[in-house]
Each structure stands twice: as structure tokens, then as C-alpha cells.
Amino acid sequence: MKYPALLSIALLVPLRAADPAVPVQDESLAYSINYTSGLSLGEARLISHKADTRWFFEMVLDAGVPGFAVSDRFRSVAGQDLCSLEFERETLHGKKRTREKTTFDYKKNLAHRATVDGGKTEIKVGACAHDALALVYHARRELGRGKVPPAQQVFFGAQYRVKLDFTGTQMVTYSERKAKADRVAVSLKGPASDVNFEIFFALDPQRTPLLIRVPLPVGVISMELVP
């Protein structure tokens, strides 16, 4: 069972202009994770906090089925411009545990990735790189400005190519509520992943993610905002 990380973006498509009031300085969004049948698989939380000129983002996910637990913790530190400074990833999928940290050195245009077992990797980066969490908030800010950022590489341990297309506004149901939302189709490609999924963003100034749907061979997994 895989839960692709969150998002990013391609195609400068004009959307409705709004006041880009994201990231929210102190925000905590709760989500339920559900299977096609409505069976609850777990829960997740997305958190943002600002201190001085730095943003701190966190995602906590606990889900699974009997005999296979998923427990993920992601932490990001970004600058005022939402360019990534640090990213930590700690996962437990069944019996497999992963822990690593990536730091970004823009003076040398390098990202330094280190795993708990001592592995180290250096990756070339440009003037502004995004980890998966920082990119979520960057995408929300850009959507609030009426545009979509270009396709790019996102850091989530390994590098992933992420592309997002705005496909229109429609009514969606989440946590037994209905609301109009902008639908974006997301393409995520990595060393061992090639996944397409959809995200529905609220029409509020914060561009709150209401619903994420991920099609898997076993059915559709949804992550729904809990009011």
C-alpha cells in the first residue's frame, strides 16, 4: 500500500485571482484516510507554523490494514520564500523502517541527503528547491494568486518529477459534506514510482486541500478533510 506524498505542478493556467493568504501562520488540518468501500484506514494531519522568517511544516500519517501498519512523519523547514532548508523523513511500513534528512546549501547549489545507516548523497539544485511539504504550501500560495507553478523536481528522500494540471471546478463530497472545489490532476514520477492522482482545493483564499484521491490496484484510497 502506497500513499504518494503531496504535490506540485506544471502548466501556467489562469485560475481565479484571490488574496494568497497561505501559508497560514498556525494551521492544523486533520484528514481521514478511507478505502473505496468507506472503510477507515487511518488518519493524517498537516501542520504549518511560522517563527521569525522560517516556516515549519509537518505531516503525520497513521494508517494501515490488519497485519500491515503505516506510520509516517515528515518535517520541513523553509525560508520566507518557501525554498526548502531542511527535510526529515521517517517512515514505518510494516517492518520496514526508513529515516533520513536532506539539507539544502544554496551557496553551493547542493542538497545533502543522509540516511540513518550512514548513506550520503549530494544532488545539484537550483536557486530554490522544494521538498514535498514545502511544495504543498508553495502550490497553495500560487493557486491563490491565480496561477499554477511549473513542473519541477521535488525532494522526498529521492527526487520525484511532479506535474499538476488544473482541470476545472466541480462539486465534491468529503467527510459527508459538499463543496465546490478546483480539481487538479497530479502526475508523480520517481525512481520506482509512476502515479497519477487528483486533488481538490477549496475556493477559499487559503486554497485548503479538501480531498485527495489515489487510484491503486486494490481500489481508490481517499484522504478527506475532517471539518
Protein backbone atom coordinates (compact mmCIF):
# COMPACT_ATOMS: atom_id res chain seq x y z
CA MET A 1 0.00 0.00 0.00
CA LYS A 2 1.49 3.32 -1.01
CA TYR A 3 0.46 6.85 -0.09
CA PRO A 4 2.20 9.23 -2.51
CA ALA A 5 3.44 12.37 -0.94
CA LEU A 6 1.91 15.54 -1.85
CA LEU A 7 2.07 17.63 -4.85
CA SER A 8 3.42 20.04 -7.30
CA ILE A 9 2.91 21.42 -10.53
CA ALA A 10 3.05 22.19 -14.21
CA LEU A 11 1.32 24.43 -16.72
CA LEU A 12 0.72 28.11 -16.15
CA VAL A 13 -3.06 28.01 -16.32
CA PRO A 14 -5.07 31.10 -15.33
CA LEU A 15 -7.29 30.44 -12.32
CA ARG A 16 -9.43 32.84 -10.31
CA ALA A 17 -7.34 35.54 -8.68
CA ALA A 18 -7.51 35.76 -4.90
CA ASP A 19 -5.58 37.04 -1.91
CA PRO A 20 -2.83 34.43 -1.42
CA ALA A 21 -3.30 34.04 2.33
CA VAL A 22 -1.13 30.93 2.58
CA PRO A 23 0.77 29.53 4.24
CA VAL A 24 -1.34 30.11 7.33
CA GLN A 25 0.95 31.01 10.21
CA ASP A 26 -0.60 28.45 12.56
CA GLU A 27 -2.71 25.83 10.81
CA SER A 28 -3.59 22.25 11.66
CA LEU A 29 -5.69 20.25 9.20
CA ALA A 30 -7.00 16.78 10.08
CA TYR A 31 -7.80 14.15 7.46
CA SER A 32 -9.41 10.73 7.47
CA ILE A 33 -7.98 8.07 5.15
CA ASN A 34 -10.63 5.81 3.62
CA TYR A 35 -10.94 2.89 1.24
CA THR A 36 -13.39 2.75 -1.68
CA SER A 37 -16.00 0.96 0.42
CA GLY A 38 -15.86 3.66 3.11
CA LEU A 39 -13.70 1.57 5.41
CA SER A 40 -11.49 3.80 7.55
CA LEU A 41 -7.77 3.08 7.13
CA GLY A 42 -6.42 5.75 9.45
CA GLU A 43 -5.82 9.45 9.77
CA ALA A 44 -3.37 12.20 8.88
CA ARG A 45 -2.59 15.74 9.99
CA LEU A 46 -0.99 18.62 8.10
CA ILE A 47 0.56 21.39 10.23
CA SER A 48 2.16 24.76 9.50
CA HIS A 49 3.86 27.21 11.87
CA LYS A 50 5.97 30.32 11.36
CA ALA A 51 8.76 31.58 13.64
CA ASP A 52 10.64 34.72 12.58
CA THR A 53 11.44 34.27 8.88
CA ARG A 54 11.21 30.49 8.82
CA TRP A 55 8.31 28.19 8.09
CA PHE A 56 7.92 24.83 9.82
CA PHE A 57 5.70 22.23 8.16
CA GLU A 58 4.81 18.77 9.37
CA MET A 59 2.72 15.84 8.18
CA VAL A 60 1.83 12.92 10.42
CA LEU A 61 0.12 9.85 8.94
CA ASP A 62 -1.02 6.69 10.72
CA ALA A 63 -2.88 4.12 8.65
CA GLY A 64 -2.90 0.51 7.53
CA VAL A 65 -4.80 -2.75 7.45
CA PRO A 66 -4.58 -5.71 9.87
CA GLY A 67 -1.05 -7.07 9.73
CA PHE A 68 0.42 -4.07 7.92
CA ALA A 69 0.77 -0.70 9.64
CA VAL A 70 1.86 2.57 8.05
CA SER A 71 3.31 5.30 10.28
CA ASP A 72 4.89 8.30 8.55
CA ARG A 73 6.40 11.53 9.92
CA PHE A 74 7.59 14.29 7.60
CA ARG A 75 9.11 17.59 8.75
CA SER A 76 10.17 20.56 6.66
CA VAL A 77 11.92 23.86 7.37
CA ALA A 78 11.64 26.53 4.67
CA GLY A 79 12.61 30.17 4.29
CA GLN A 80 10.32 33.15 3.89
CA ASP A 81 10.20 32.41 0.14
CA LEU A 82 9.23 28.76 0.84
CA CYS A 83 12.51 27.44 -0.54
CA SER A 84 13.46 24.32 1.41
CA LEU A 85 16.19 24.44 4.05
CA GLU A 86 15.75 21.03 5.71
CA PHE A 87 13.56 17.99 5.20
CA GLU A 88 13.26 14.96 7.50
CA ARG A 89 11.50 11.75 6.57
CA GLU A 90 10.74 8.93 9.00
CA THR A 91 8.54 6.03 7.87
CA LEU A 92 7.45 2.64 9.16
CA HIS A 93 5.71 0.42 6.58
CA GLY A 94 5.10 -2.98 8.09
CA LYS A 95 8.51 -3.96 9.44
CA LYS A 96 10.46 -1.67 7.13
CA ARG A 97 11.74 1.50 8.80
CA THR A 98 13.30 4.46 6.98
CA ARG A 99 14.83 7.58 8.44
CA GLU A 100 16.75 10.27 6.58
CA LYS A 101 17.41 14.01 6.40
CA THR A 102 18.08 16.35 3.50
CA THR A 103 19.69 19.78 3.96
CA PHE A 104 19.93 22.43 1.25
CA ASP A 105 23.06 24.53 0.65
CA TYR A 106 22.20 27.24 -1.88
CA LYS A 107 25.67 28.76 -1.80
CA LYS A 108 26.98 25.52 -3.32
CA ASN A 109 23.72 24.63 -5.10
CA LEU A 110 23.66 21.24 -3.42
CA ALA A 111 21.21 19.13 -1.46
CA HIS A 112 22.84 16.79 1.07
CA ARG A 113 20.87 13.62 1.79
CA ALA A 114 21.88 11.41 4.73
CA THR A 115 20.23 8.18 5.88
CA VAL A 116 20.27 6.70 9.37
CA ASP A 117 22.53 3.84 8.21
CA GLY A 118 25.25 6.30 7.16
CA GLY A 119 24.47 6.61 3.46
CA LYS A 120 25.16 10.04 1.93
CA THR A 121 24.24 11.62 -1.40
CA GLU A 122 24.78 15.05 -2.93
CA ILE A 123 22.33 16.36 -5.54
CA LYS A 124 22.58 19.52 -7.64
CA VAL A 125 19.82 22.07 -7.03
CA GLY A 126 18.92 25.47 -8.41
CA ALA A 127 18.37 28.75 -6.60
CA CYS A 128 15.18 27.45 -4.93
CA ALA A 129 14.32 23.81 -4.30
CA HIS A 130 11.21 22.32 -2.72
CA ASP A 131 10.72 19.26 -0.60
CA ALA A 132 7.30 17.61 -0.74
CA LEU A 133 5.81 19.55 2.18
CA ALA A 134 7.19 22.97 1.22
CA LEU A 135 5.85 22.37 -2.27
CA VAL A 136 2.33 21.77 -0.96
CA TYR A 137 2.27 25.23 0.59
CA HIS A 138 4.01 26.83 -2.38
CA ALA A 139 1.35 25.31 -4.64
CA ARG A 140 -1.46 26.60 -2.42
CA ARG A 141 0.06 30.10 -2.47
CA GLU A 142 0.37 30.06 -6.25
CA LEU A 143 -3.19 28.81 -6.70
CA GLY A 144 -4.34 31.68 -4.51
CA ARG A 145 -2.53 34.06 -6.87
CA GLY A 146 -4.43 32.66 -9.81
CA LYS A 147 -1.71 30.53 -11.39
CA VAL A 148 -0.03 27.15 -11.26
CA PRO A 149 3.75 26.80 -10.83
CA PRO A 150 5.71 24.90 -13.49
CA ALA A 151 6.53 21.20 -13.34
CA GLN A 152 9.59 20.55 -11.22
CA GLN A 153 11.66 18.12 -9.20
CA VAL A 154 10.55 17.65 -5.61
CA PHE A 155 12.62 16.12 -2.81
CA PHE A 156 11.00 13.32 -0.83
CA GLY A 157 14.06 11.30 0.02
CA ALA A 158 14.73 10.58 -3.64
CA GLN A 159 13.85 13.12 -6.33
CA TYR A 160 10.44 13.00 -7.98
CA ARG A 161 9.17 14.77 -11.08
CA VAL A 162 5.79 16.32 -10.30
CA LYS A 163 3.34 17.88 -12.74
CA LEU A 164 -0.05 19.34 -11.93
CA ASP A 165 -2.82 20.35 -14.35
CA PHE A 166 -5.84 22.45 -13.40
CA THR A 167 -8.90 20.75 -14.91
CA GLY A 168 -11.83 22.87 -13.73
CA THR A 169 -14.21 23.42 -10.82
CA GLN A 170 -16.74 20.85 -9.63
CA MET A 171 -18.82 19.83 -6.63
CA VAL A 172 -17.13 17.26 -4.38
CA THR A 173 -18.15 15.29 -1.30
CA TYR A 174 -15.75 14.93 1.62
CA SER A 175 -16.48 13.77 5.17
CA GLU A 176 -20.22 13.80 4.35
CA ARG A 177 -20.04 17.46 3.25
CA LYS A 178 -20.31 19.03 -0.19
CA ALA A 179 -18.40 21.99 -1.60
CA LYS A 180 -17.20 23.44 -4.87
CA ALA A 181 -13.52 22.83 -5.44
CA ASP A 182 -10.86 23.20 -8.10
CA ARG A 183 -9.70 19.82 -9.40
CA VAL A 184 -6.05 19.31 -10.25
CA ALA A 185 -4.64 16.18 -11.86
CA VAL A 186 -1.22 15.26 -10.50
CA SER A 187 1.48 13.18 -12.16
CA LEU A 188 4.24 11.87 -9.88
CA LYS A 189 7.26 10.05 -11.29
CA GLY A 190 10.24 8.77 -9.33
CA PRO A 191 12.90 6.07 -9.34
CA ALA A 192 10.31 3.35 -8.65
CA SER A 193 7.00 5.24 -8.90
CA ASP A 194 4.71 6.40 -11.67
CA VAL A 195 1.43 7.51 -10.10
CA ASN A 196 -1.45 9.72 -11.22
CA PHE A 197 -3.95 11.08 -8.70
CA GLU A 198 -6.29 14.02 -8.13
CA ILE A 199 -6.54 16.78 -5.54
CA PHE A 200 -9.49 19.07 -4.84
CA PHE A 201 -8.70 22.53 -3.44
CA ALA A 202 -11.33 24.67 -1.71
CA LEU A 203 -12.16 28.03 -3.26
CA ASP A 204 -11.21 29.85 -0.05
CA PRO A 205 -8.22 32.26 -0.03
CA GLN A 206 -6.16 29.58 1.77
CA ARG A 207 -6.79 27.04 -1.04
CA THR A 208 -7.39 24.36 1.60
CA PRO A 209 -6.94 20.80 0.27
CA LEU A 210 -10.35 19.15 0.78
CA LEU A 211 -9.88 15.77 -0.84
CA ILE A 212 -7.12 13.65 -2.37
CA ARG A 213 -7.99 10.52 -4.38
CA VAL A 214 -5.34 7.95 -5.25
CA PRO A 215 -6.26 5.04 -7.56
CA LEU A 216 -4.47 1.81 -6.62
CA PRO A 217 -4.83 -1.75 -7.95
CA VAL A 218 -6.86 -2.64 -4.85
CA GLY A 219 -9.21 0.32 -5.23
CA VAL A 220 -9.32 4.07 -4.65
CA ILE A 221 -7.82 5.49 -1.44
CA SER A 222 -9.10 8.91 -0.38
CA MET A 223 -7.80 11.44 2.13
CA GLU A 224 -10.71 13.67 3.26
CA LEU A 225 -10.54 16.84 5.31
CA VAL A 226 -12.28 16.48 8.68
CA PRO A 227 -14.19 19.73 9.48
